[in-house]
Amino acid sequence: MSIKFAMLGILAERDLHGYELKTSFDEKVGDFWSLNYGQIYSTLDRLEKEDLVTYDRQIQDKRPDRKIYSITPKGREALQEWLASPVNRVRALRDEFFIKLVFMDKNNPGPILELIEKQKALYLKQMNRLTHQKVGLKKGPKDADSLTAELLMDAGLFHAEADIKWLTLCASKIKAAIKK
């Protein structure tokens, strides 16, 4: 996901300062994507240089001034173009667990098989947490944000389920290789 366009999307809803942007980002996708303040402010600097956002200084008593960012017409146009474009790159398999498999001791598969079980348990916990959150959403008011949250939870559930299936396949192939 492009942080740049996430920031533009949030600012398209309303003008915010950096701390509020981080809070809004976390509320929308924090369970699926983590972002630190450095990323927020470096992205805002780039967006300003590209004339996609602008800011007004807000004077504060006993605190440094803060910048209230707003999206520019050029920023809205870029956001709409991005929203209408398909994602051309398939999600890369950049999983730390995959790297552990690459470097596992092929002569001693016991530890990796134990790790696979631990990893599956973590995915099951994640699925349980997402399911509870989804049930809680269904009890609340229905709006565009709750629909988006539910769709993200569905994606998280499907990905976790796929990861569990992949880990199960890994374990069975490793066990089969041991028997040979």
N, C-alpha and C. Protein backbone atom coordinates (compact mmCIF):
# COMPACT_ATOMS: atom_id res chain seq x y z
N MET A 1 0.85 -1.18 0.00
CA MET A 1 0.00 0.00 0.00
C MET A 1 0.88 1.23 0.00
N SER A 2 0.48 2.19 -0.72
CA SER A 2 1.22 3.44 -0.78
C SER A 2 0.79 4.34 0.37
N ILE A 3 1.73 4.65 1.23
CA ILE A 3 1.46 5.55 2.35
C ILE A 3 1.03 6.91 1.80
N LYS A 4 1.66 7.28 0.70
CA LYS A 4 1.33 8.56 0.06
C LYS A 4 -0.17 8.69 -0.19
N PHE A 5 -0.75 7.67 -0.78
CA PHE A 5 -2.17 7.74 -1.13
C PHE A 5 -3.07 7.53 0.08
N ALA A 6 -2.59 6.80 1.07
CA ALA A 6 -3.35 6.68 2.32
C ALA A 6 -3.47 8.06 2.97
N MET A 7 -2.37 8.81 2.98
CA MET A 7 -2.39 10.16 3.56
C MET A 7 -3.34 11.06 2.76
N LEU A 8 -3.27 10.97 1.44
CA LEU A 8 -4.16 11.78 0.61
C LEU A 8 -5.62 11.41 0.86
N GLY A 9 -5.90 10.11 1.00
CA GLY A 9 -7.26 9.67 1.25
C GLY A 9 -7.79 10.19 2.58
N ILE A 10 -6.95 10.18 3.59
CA ILE A 10 -7.37 10.69 4.90
C ILE A 10 -7.60 12.19 4.83
N LEU A 11 -6.69 12.90 4.16
CA LEU A 11 -6.83 14.36 4.06
C LEU A 11 -7.99 14.75 3.15
N ALA A 12 -8.42 13.86 2.27
CA ALA A 12 -9.59 14.15 1.44
C ALA A 12 -10.85 14.20 2.30
N GLU A 13 -10.82 13.53 3.44
CA GLU A 13 -11.96 13.54 4.35
C GLU A 13 -12.02 14.82 5.18
N ARG A 14 -10.83 15.27 5.65
CA ARG A 14 -10.78 16.51 6.43
C ARG A 14 -9.33 16.91 6.68
N ASP A 15 -9.11 18.16 6.96
CA ASP A 15 -7.78 18.69 7.25
C ASP A 15 -7.33 18.21 8.63
N LEU A 16 -6.06 17.82 8.73
CA LEU A 16 -5.53 17.29 9.98
C LEU A 16 -4.06 17.67 10.17
N HIS A 17 -3.59 17.59 11.39
CA HIS A 17 -2.15 17.71 11.63
C HIS A 17 -1.57 16.30 11.70
N GLY A 18 -0.26 16.19 11.75
CA GLY A 18 0.43 14.91 11.64
C GLY A 18 -0.02 13.88 12.66
N TYR A 19 -0.15 14.29 13.91
CA TYR A 19 -0.57 13.35 14.96
C TYR A 19 -1.96 12.80 14.66
N GLU A 20 -2.86 13.67 14.21
CA GLU A 20 -4.22 13.22 13.87
C GLU A 20 -4.21 12.29 12.66
N LEU A 21 -3.31 12.55 11.71
CA LEU A 21 -3.19 11.67 10.55
C LEU A 21 -2.80 10.26 10.99
N LYS A 22 -1.83 10.17 11.88
CA LYS A 22 -1.39 8.87 12.39
C LYS A 22 -2.55 8.17 13.10
N THR A 23 -3.27 8.90 13.93
CA THR A 23 -4.41 8.33 14.65
C THR A 23 -5.46 7.83 13.67
N SER A 24 -5.78 8.63 12.67
CA SER A 24 -6.79 8.24 11.67
C SER A 24 -6.33 7.01 10.89
N PHE A 25 -5.05 6.99 10.50
CA PHE A 25 -4.50 5.84 9.78
C PHE A 25 -4.64 4.58 10.63
N ASP A 26 -4.25 4.68 11.91
CA ASP A 26 -4.33 3.52 12.81
C ASP A 26 -5.76 3.04 12.98
N GLU A 27 -6.70 3.98 13.06
CA GLU A 27 -8.12 3.59 13.20
C GLU A 27 -8.61 2.86 11.97
N LYS A 28 -8.14 3.27 10.80
CA LYS A 28 -8.62 2.69 9.55
C LYS A 28 -7.96 1.35 9.23
N VAL A 29 -6.64 1.26 9.39
CA VAL A 29 -5.93 0.05 8.95
C VAL A 29 -4.84 -0.40 9.92
N GLY A 30 -4.86 0.09 11.13
CA GLY A 30 -3.81 -0.22 12.10
C GLY A 30 -3.62 -1.70 12.39
N ASP A 31 -4.68 -2.50 12.28
CA ASP A 31 -4.54 -3.93 12.52
C ASP A 31 -3.78 -4.63 11.38
N PHE A 32 -3.67 -3.96 10.25
CA PHE A 32 -3.08 -4.60 9.08
C PHE A 32 -1.81 -3.92 8.58
N TRP A 33 -1.54 -2.72 9.05
CA TRP A 33 -0.42 -1.95 8.55
C TRP A 33 0.05 -1.01 9.64
N SER A 34 1.31 -1.10 10.00
CA SER A 34 1.81 -0.20 11.03
C SER A 34 2.61 0.92 10.39
N LEU A 35 2.53 2.06 11.00
CA LEU A 35 3.16 3.26 10.47
C LEU A 35 3.69 4.06 11.65
N ASN A 36 4.91 4.59 11.51
CA ASN A 36 5.43 5.41 12.59
C ASN A 36 5.36 6.89 12.22
N TYR A 37 5.57 7.73 13.20
CA TYR A 37 5.45 9.18 12.97
C TYR A 37 6.47 9.68 11.95
N GLY A 38 7.65 9.08 11.93
CA GLY A 38 8.66 9.48 10.94
C GLY A 38 8.16 9.28 9.52
N GLN A 39 7.47 8.17 9.29
CA GLN A 39 6.91 7.91 7.96
C GLN A 39 5.83 8.92 7.62
N ILE A 40 5.03 9.28 8.61
CA ILE A 40 3.97 10.27 8.38
C ILE A 40 4.58 11.59 7.93
N TYR A 41 5.54 12.08 8.71
CA TYR A 41 6.09 13.41 8.42
C TYR A 41 6.96 13.43 7.17
N SER A 42 7.71 12.36 6.90
CA SER A 42 8.49 12.35 5.66
C SER A 42 7.57 12.27 4.44
N THR A 43 6.46 11.53 4.57
CA THR A 43 5.50 11.46 3.47
C THR A 43 4.83 12.82 3.26
N LEU A 44 4.46 13.48 4.35
CA LEU A 44 3.85 14.82 4.23
C LEU A 44 4.81 15.80 3.56
N ASP A 45 6.09 15.72 3.89
CA ASP A 45 7.09 16.59 3.24
C ASP A 45 7.13 16.35 1.74
N ARG A 46 7.12 15.06 1.34
CA ARG A 46 7.14 14.73 -0.09
C ARG A 46 5.86 15.20 -0.77
N LEU A 47 4.73 15.00 -0.11
CA LEU A 47 3.45 15.42 -0.69
C LEU A 47 3.41 16.94 -0.88
N GLU A 48 3.98 17.65 0.06
CA GLU A 48 4.03 19.11 -0.06
C GLU A 48 4.92 19.52 -1.24
N LYS A 49 6.07 18.87 -1.37
CA LYS A 49 6.98 19.19 -2.49
C LYS A 49 6.34 18.88 -3.84
N GLU A 50 5.47 17.87 -3.87
CA GLU A 50 4.77 17.50 -5.11
C GLU A 50 3.52 18.33 -5.32
N ASP A 51 3.26 19.28 -4.42
CA ASP A 51 2.08 20.15 -4.47
C ASP A 51 0.77 19.38 -4.38
N LEU A 52 0.81 18.26 -3.62
CA LEU A 52 -0.40 17.46 -3.43
C LEU A 52 -1.10 17.81 -2.12
N VAL A 53 -0.35 18.41 -1.19
CA VAL A 53 -0.92 18.92 0.05
C VAL A 53 -0.33 20.30 0.34
N THR A 54 -1.02 21.01 1.16
CA THR A 54 -0.54 22.30 1.65
C THR A 54 -0.85 22.34 3.14
N TYR A 55 -0.32 23.32 3.82
CA TYR A 55 -0.62 23.41 5.25
C TYR A 55 -0.74 24.86 5.70
N ASP A 56 -1.45 25.02 6.79
CA ASP A 56 -1.56 26.30 7.49
C ASP A 56 -0.97 26.09 8.87
N ARG A 57 -0.26 27.09 9.32
CA ARG A 57 0.30 27.02 10.69
C ARG A 57 -0.77 27.37 11.70
N GLN A 58 -0.84 26.58 12.72
CA GLN A 58 -1.76 26.85 13.83
C GLN A 58 -0.90 27.22 15.04
N ILE A 59 -1.08 28.42 15.52
CA ILE A 59 -0.30 28.91 16.66
C ILE A 59 -0.90 28.33 17.94
N GLN A 60 -0.04 27.84 18.82
CA GLN A 60 -0.48 27.26 20.08
C GLN A 60 0.22 27.97 21.24
N ASP A 61 -0.47 28.16 22.31
CA ASP A 61 0.13 28.72 23.51
C ASP A 61 1.02 27.67 24.16
N LYS A 62 2.22 28.05 24.53
CA LYS A 62 3.15 27.21 25.29
C LYS A 62 3.57 25.95 24.55
N ARG A 63 3.30 25.87 23.27
CA ARG A 63 3.71 24.71 22.46
C ARG A 63 4.16 25.24 21.11
N PRO A 64 4.98 24.47 20.42
CA PRO A 64 5.37 24.91 19.07
C PRO A 64 4.16 24.96 18.15
N ASP A 65 4.24 25.81 17.14
CA ASP A 65 3.17 25.86 16.15
C ASP A 65 3.02 24.47 15.52
N ARG A 66 1.81 24.17 15.06
CA ARG A 66 1.64 22.92 14.34
C ARG A 66 1.06 23.21 12.97
N LYS A 67 1.33 22.26 12.07
CA LYS A 67 0.87 22.40 10.70
C LYS A 67 -0.42 21.60 10.52
N ILE A 68 -1.43 22.28 9.99
CA ILE A 68 -2.68 21.61 9.65
C ILE A 68 -2.66 21.39 8.13
N TYR A 69 -2.62 20.13 7.73
CA TYR A 69 -2.48 19.78 6.32
C TYR A 69 -3.84 19.65 5.65
N SER A 70 -3.87 20.04 4.39
CA SER A 70 -5.07 19.84 3.57
C SER A 70 -4.64 19.41 2.17
N ILE A 71 -5.50 18.66 1.54
CA ILE A 71 -5.22 18.16 0.20
C ILE A 71 -5.48 19.27 -0.81
N THR A 72 -4.65 19.34 -1.84
CA THR A 72 -4.82 20.34 -2.89
C THR A 72 -5.67 19.74 -4.01
N PRO A 73 -6.15 20.57 -4.94
CA PRO A 73 -6.87 20.02 -6.09
C PRO A 73 -6.01 19.00 -6.86
N LYS A 74 -4.72 19.30 -7.00
CA LYS A 74 -3.82 18.35 -7.67
C LYS A 74 -3.74 17.04 -6.88
N GLY A 75 -3.77 17.14 -5.55
CA GLY A 75 -3.76 15.96 -4.70
C GLY A 75 -5.02 15.14 -4.84
N ARG A 76 -6.17 15.82 -4.93
CA ARG A 76 -7.45 15.11 -5.13
C ARG A 76 -7.46 14.38 -6.47
N GLU A 77 -6.92 15.03 -7.48
CA GLU A 77 -6.85 14.42 -8.81
C GLU A 77 -5.94 13.18 -8.78
N ALA A 78 -4.79 13.29 -8.13
CA ALA A 78 -3.87 12.15 -8.03
C ALA A 78 -4.52 11.01 -7.26
N LEU A 79 -5.24 11.34 -6.18
CA LEU A 79 -5.91 10.32 -5.39
C LEU A 79 -6.97 9.61 -6.22
N GLN A 80 -7.79 10.37 -6.96
CA GLN A 80 -8.85 9.76 -7.77
C GLN A 80 -8.25 8.86 -8.86
N GLU A 81 -7.16 9.30 -9.45
CA GLU A 81 -6.49 8.49 -10.48
C GLU A 81 -5.98 7.18 -9.86
N TRP A 82 -5.38 7.27 -8.68
CA TRP A 82 -4.85 6.09 -8.00
C TRP A 82 -5.99 5.15 -7.62
N LEU A 83 -7.09 5.70 -7.09
CA LEU A 83 -8.23 4.87 -6.69
C LEU A 83 -8.84 4.12 -7.87
N ALA A 84 -8.78 4.70 -9.06
CA ALA A 84 -9.39 4.10 -10.24
C ALA A 84 -8.47 3.11 -10.96
N SER A 85 -7.20 3.04 -10.54
CA SER A 85 -6.23 2.18 -11.21
C SER A 85 -6.10 0.84 -10.51
N PRO A 86 -6.07 -0.26 -11.30
CA PRO A 86 -5.88 -1.57 -10.66
C PRO A 86 -4.46 -1.70 -10.11
N VAL A 87 -4.30 -2.59 -9.14
CA VAL A 87 -2.97 -2.86 -8.58
C VAL A 87 -2.32 -3.87 -9.52
N ASN A 88 -1.26 -3.44 -10.19
CA ASN A 88 -0.63 -4.28 -11.20
C ASN A 88 0.31 -5.34 -10.62
N ARG A 89 0.88 -5.05 -9.47
CA ARG A 89 1.80 -6.01 -8.87
C ARG A 89 1.06 -6.91 -7.90
N VAL A 90 1.27 -8.21 -8.06
CA VAL A 90 0.71 -9.16 -7.12
C VAL A 90 1.49 -9.02 -5.82
N ARG A 91 0.80 -9.20 -4.72
CA ARG A 91 1.43 -9.07 -3.40
C ARG A 91 2.65 -9.98 -3.30
N ALA A 92 3.77 -9.41 -2.96
CA ALA A 92 5.02 -10.16 -2.85
C ALA A 92 5.01 -11.00 -1.58
N LEU A 93 5.66 -12.14 -1.65
CA LEU A 93 5.79 -12.98 -0.47
C LEU A 93 7.00 -12.47 0.32
N ARG A 94 6.76 -11.46 1.11
CA ARG A 94 7.79 -10.90 1.97
C ARG A 94 7.43 -11.26 3.40
N ASP A 95 7.63 -12.49 3.71
CA ASP A 95 7.23 -13.01 5.01
C ASP A 95 8.49 -13.48 5.73
N GLU A 96 8.66 -13.02 6.95
CA GLU A 96 9.83 -13.40 7.74
C GLU A 96 9.88 -14.91 7.94
N PHE A 97 8.73 -15.54 8.08
CA PHE A 97 8.69 -16.98 8.27
C PHE A 97 9.27 -17.70 7.05
N PHE A 98 8.99 -17.19 5.86
CA PHE A 98 9.53 -17.80 4.64
C PHE A 98 11.06 -17.80 4.68
N ILE A 99 11.64 -16.71 5.14
CA ILE A 99 13.10 -16.62 5.23
C ILE A 99 13.63 -17.66 6.23
N LYS A 100 12.89 -17.88 7.31
CA LYS A 100 13.31 -18.91 8.28
C LYS A 100 13.31 -20.29 7.62
N LEU A 101 12.32 -20.54 6.76
CA LEU A 101 12.28 -21.83 6.05
C LEU A 101 13.50 -21.98 5.13
N VAL A 102 13.87 -20.89 4.48
CA VAL A 102 15.02 -20.94 3.57
C VAL A 102 16.28 -21.38 4.31
N PHE A 103 16.42 -20.92 5.55
CA PHE A 103 17.65 -21.18 6.29
C PHE A 103 17.51 -22.28 7.35
N MET A 104 16.43 -23.04 7.30
CA MET A 104 16.27 -24.10 8.28
C MET A 104 17.35 -25.17 8.09
N ASP A 105 17.65 -25.85 9.15
CA ASP A 105 18.61 -26.94 9.11
C ASP A 105 17.91 -28.15 8.49
N LYS A 106 18.26 -28.44 7.25
CA LYS A 106 17.59 -29.53 6.53
C LYS A 106 17.88 -30.89 7.16
N ASN A 107 18.96 -30.99 7.93
CA ASN A 107 19.31 -32.25 8.58
C ASN A 107 18.62 -32.43 9.93
N ASN A 108 18.01 -31.36 10.44
CA ASN A 108 17.31 -31.40 11.72
C ASN A 108 16.00 -30.63 11.61
N PRO A 109 14.98 -31.22 11.00
CA PRO A 109 13.72 -30.51 10.75
C PRO A 109 12.82 -30.34 11.97
N GLY A 110 13.14 -30.99 13.08
CA GLY A 110 12.31 -30.91 14.28
C GLY A 110 12.00 -29.48 14.71
N PRO A 111 13.01 -28.62 14.84
CA PRO A 111 12.74 -27.24 15.27
C PRO A 111 11.83 -26.47 14.30
N ILE A 112 11.98 -26.68 13.00
CA ILE A 112 11.14 -25.95 12.07
C ILE A 112 9.71 -26.47 12.13
N LEU A 113 9.54 -27.78 12.37
CA LEU A 113 8.19 -28.33 12.52
C LEU A 113 7.51 -27.76 13.77
N GLU A 114 8.28 -27.61 14.85
CA GLU A 114 7.73 -26.97 16.06
C GLU A 114 7.36 -25.52 15.79
N LEU A 115 8.22 -24.83 15.05
CA LEU A 115 7.96 -23.44 14.73
C LEU A 115 6.70 -23.30 13.87
N ILE A 116 6.51 -24.22 12.94
CA ILE A 116 5.32 -24.21 12.10
C ILE A 116 4.06 -24.30 12.98
N GLU A 117 4.07 -25.17 13.96
CA GLU A 117 2.91 -25.31 14.85
C GLU A 117 2.68 -24.03 15.65
N LYS A 118 3.76 -23.41 16.13
CA LYS A 118 3.63 -22.15 16.88
C LYS A 118 3.07 -21.05 15.98
N GLN A 119 3.55 -21.03 14.74
CA GLN A 119 3.09 -20.01 13.80
C GLN A 119 1.62 -20.20 13.47
N LYS A 120 1.21 -21.44 13.28
CA LYS A 120 -0.20 -21.72 13.01
C LYS A 120 -1.08 -21.28 14.18
N ALA A 121 -0.59 -21.49 15.40
CA ALA A 121 -1.34 -21.06 16.58
C ALA A 121 -1.50 -19.55 16.60
N LEU A 122 -0.47 -18.81 16.18
CA LEU A 122 -0.57 -17.35 16.12
C LEU A 122 -1.60 -16.90 15.09
N TYR A 123 -1.62 -17.57 13.94
CA TYR A 123 -2.62 -17.23 12.92
C TYR A 123 -4.03 -17.54 13.41
N LEU A 124 -4.18 -18.64 14.14
CA LEU A 124 -5.50 -18.97 14.68
C LEU A 124 -5.95 -17.92 15.70
N LYS A 125 -5.03 -17.43 16.52
CA LYS A 125 -5.36 -16.35 17.47
C LYS A 125 -5.77 -15.09 16.72
N GLN A 126 -5.04 -14.79 15.64
CA GLN A 126 -5.37 -13.62 14.83
C GLN A 126 -6.77 -13.78 14.23
N MET A 127 -7.06 -14.95 13.72
CA MET A 127 -8.39 -15.19 13.15
C MET A 127 -9.48 -15.04 14.21
N ASN A 128 -9.21 -15.53 15.41
CA ASN A 128 -10.17 -15.42 16.50
C ASN A 128 -10.41 -13.95 16.85
N ARG A 129 -9.33 -13.17 16.95
CA ARG A 129 -9.44 -11.75 17.27
C ARG A 129 -10.23 -11.01 16.18
N LEU A 130 -9.91 -11.27 14.92
CA LEU A 130 -10.60 -10.61 13.81
C LEU A 130 -12.08 -11.01 13.78
N THR A 131 -12.36 -12.26 14.06
CA THR A 131 -13.75 -12.72 14.07
C THR A 131 -14.54 -11.99 15.16
N HIS A 132 -13.94 -11.85 16.35
CA HIS A 132 -14.61 -11.13 17.43
C HIS A 132 -14.83 -9.66 17.06
N GLN A 133 -13.83 -9.05 16.43
CA GLN A 133 -13.99 -7.66 16.01
C GLN A 133 -15.10 -7.53 14.97
N LYS A 134 -15.16 -8.48 14.07
CA LYS A 134 -16.17 -8.45 13.01
C LYS A 134 -17.57 -8.60 13.61
N VAL A 135 -17.72 -9.48 14.58
CA VAL A 135 -19.01 -9.65 15.26
C VAL A 135 -19.39 -8.35 15.95
N GLY A 136 -18.42 -7.70 16.59
CA GLY A 136 -18.68 -6.42 17.25
C GLY A 136 -19.12 -5.35 16.26
N LEU A 137 -18.53 -5.36 15.08
CA LEU A 137 -18.92 -4.40 14.04
C LEU A 137 -20.37 -4.60 13.62
N LYS A 138 -20.76 -5.85 13.50
CA LYS A 138 -22.12 -6.14 13.04
C LYS A 138 -23.17 -5.67 14.04
N LYS A 139 -22.78 -5.55 15.31
CA LYS A 139 -23.71 -5.09 16.34
C LYS A 139 -23.84 -3.57 16.35
N GLY A 140 -22.84 -2.89 15.77
CA GLY A 140 -22.84 -1.43 15.79
C GLY A 140 -23.57 -0.83 14.61
N PRO A 141 -23.52 0.49 14.51
CA PRO A 141 -24.20 1.18 13.39
C PRO A 141 -23.51 0.88 12.06
N LYS A 142 -24.28 0.83 11.02
CA LYS A 142 -23.76 0.55 9.68
C LYS A 142 -23.44 1.88 8.97
N ASP A 143 -22.20 2.03 8.54
CA ASP A 143 -21.80 3.18 7.75
C ASP A 143 -20.65 2.76 6.84
N ALA A 144 -20.15 3.69 6.05
CA ALA A 144 -19.08 3.37 5.09
C ALA A 144 -17.82 2.89 5.81
N ASP A 145 -17.50 3.49 6.96
CA ASP A 145 -16.31 3.07 7.68
C ASP A 145 -16.44 1.66 8.24
N SER A 146 -17.63 1.29 8.71
CA SER A 146 -17.80 -0.06 9.24
C SER A 146 -17.74 -1.09 8.11
N LEU A 147 -18.25 -0.73 6.94
CA LEU A 147 -18.15 -1.64 5.78
C LEU A 147 -16.69 -1.85 5.41
N THR A 148 -15.93 -0.76 5.34
CA THR A 148 -14.51 -0.86 5.00
C THR A 148 -13.78 -1.71 6.04
N ALA A 149 -14.05 -1.47 7.30
CA ALA A 149 -13.41 -2.25 8.37
C ALA A 149 -13.75 -3.73 8.23
N GLU A 150 -15.01 -4.03 7.93
CA GLU A 150 -15.41 -5.43 7.78
C GLU A 150 -14.71 -6.07 6.58
N LEU A 151 -14.58 -5.33 5.49
CA LEU A 151 -13.88 -5.87 4.32
C LEU A 151 -12.41 -6.14 4.62
N LEU A 152 -11.77 -5.24 5.38
CA LEU A 152 -10.38 -5.46 5.76
C LEU A 152 -10.25 -6.67 6.68
N MET A 153 -11.20 -6.83 7.58
CA MET A 153 -11.18 -8.00 8.46
C MET A 153 -11.38 -9.29 7.66
N ASP A 154 -12.26 -9.24 6.67
CA ASP A 154 -12.43 -10.40 5.79
C ASP A 154 -11.12 -10.74 5.09
N ALA A 155 -10.45 -9.73 4.58
CA ALA A 155 -9.16 -9.96 3.92
C ALA A 155 -8.16 -10.57 4.90
N GLY A 156 -8.10 -10.04 6.11
CA GLY A 156 -7.20 -10.58 7.12
C GLY A 156 -7.51 -12.03 7.44
N LEU A 157 -8.80 -12.34 7.54
CA LEU A 157 -9.22 -13.72 7.82
C LEU A 157 -8.83 -14.66 6.68
N PHE A 158 -9.07 -14.24 5.45
CA PHE A 158 -8.72 -15.08 4.30
C PHE A 158 -7.20 -15.28 4.20
N HIS A 159 -6.44 -14.22 4.45
CA HIS A 159 -4.98 -14.35 4.40
C HIS A 159 -4.47 -15.28 5.50
N ALA A 160 -5.00 -15.13 6.70
CA ALA A 160 -4.58 -16.00 7.80
C ALA A 160 -4.93 -17.46 7.49
N GLU A 161 -6.12 -17.67 6.95
CA GLU A 161 -6.53 -19.04 6.58
C GLU A 161 -5.60 -19.61 5.52
N ALA A 162 -5.25 -18.80 4.53
CA ALA A 162 -4.33 -19.26 3.48
C ALA A 162 -2.95 -19.56 4.07
N ASP A 163 -2.49 -18.72 5.00
CA ASP A 163 -1.20 -18.95 5.63
C ASP A 163 -1.20 -20.25 6.43
N ILE A 164 -2.30 -20.54 7.12
CA ILE A 164 -2.40 -21.80 7.87
C ILE A 164 -2.35 -22.99 6.91
N LYS A 165 -3.05 -22.89 5.81
CA LYS A 165 -3.02 -23.97 4.81
C LYS A 165 -1.61 -24.16 4.26
N TRP A 166 -0.92 -23.05 3.99
CA TRP A 166 0.44 -23.13 3.47
C TRP A 166 1.37 -23.75 4.51
N LEU A 167 1.24 -23.36 5.76
CA LEU A 167 2.08 -23.93 6.82
C LEU A 167 1.81 -25.42 6.99
N THR A 168 0.55 -25.83 6.86
CA THR A 168 0.20 -27.25 6.95
C THR A 168 0.86 -28.01 5.80
N LEU A 169 0.83 -27.42 4.61
CA LEU A 169 1.50 -28.04 3.46
C LEU A 169 3.01 -28.14 3.69
N CYS A 170 3.61 -27.07 4.22
CA CYS A 170 5.05 -27.08 4.53
C CYS A 170 5.38 -28.23 5.47
N ALA A 171 4.61 -28.35 6.53
CA ALA A 171 4.86 -29.41 7.52
C ALA A 171 4.75 -30.79 6.87
N SER A 172 3.73 -30.99 6.05
CA SER A 172 3.56 -32.32 5.44
C SER A 172 4.69 -32.62 4.45
N LYS A 173 5.15 -31.63 3.71
CA LYS A 173 6.26 -31.86 2.78
C LYS A 173 7.57 -32.09 3.51
N ILE A 174 7.78 -31.38 4.60
CA ILE A 174 9.01 -31.61 5.39
C ILE A 174 8.99 -33.00 6.00
N LYS A 175 7.84 -33.42 6.54
CA LYS A 175 7.70 -34.76 7.11
C LYS A 175 7.91 -35.83 6.04
N ALA A 176 7.37 -35.59 4.84
CA ALA A 176 7.54 -36.56 3.75
C ALA A 176 9.00 -36.64 3.34
N ALA A 177 9.70 -35.53 3.36
CA ALA A 177 11.13 -35.53 2.99
C ALA A 177 11.97 -36.29 4.02
N ILE A 178 11.55 -36.24 5.29
CA ILE A 178 12.27 -36.95 6.35
C ILE A 178 12.18 -38.46 6.13
N LYS A 179 11.02 -38.91 5.68
CA LYS A 179 10.78 -40.35 5.52
C LYS A 179 11.57 -40.95 4.37
N LYS A 180 12.03 -40.13 3.46
CA LYS A 180 12.75 -40.63 2.28
C LYS A 180 14.14 -41.08 2.62
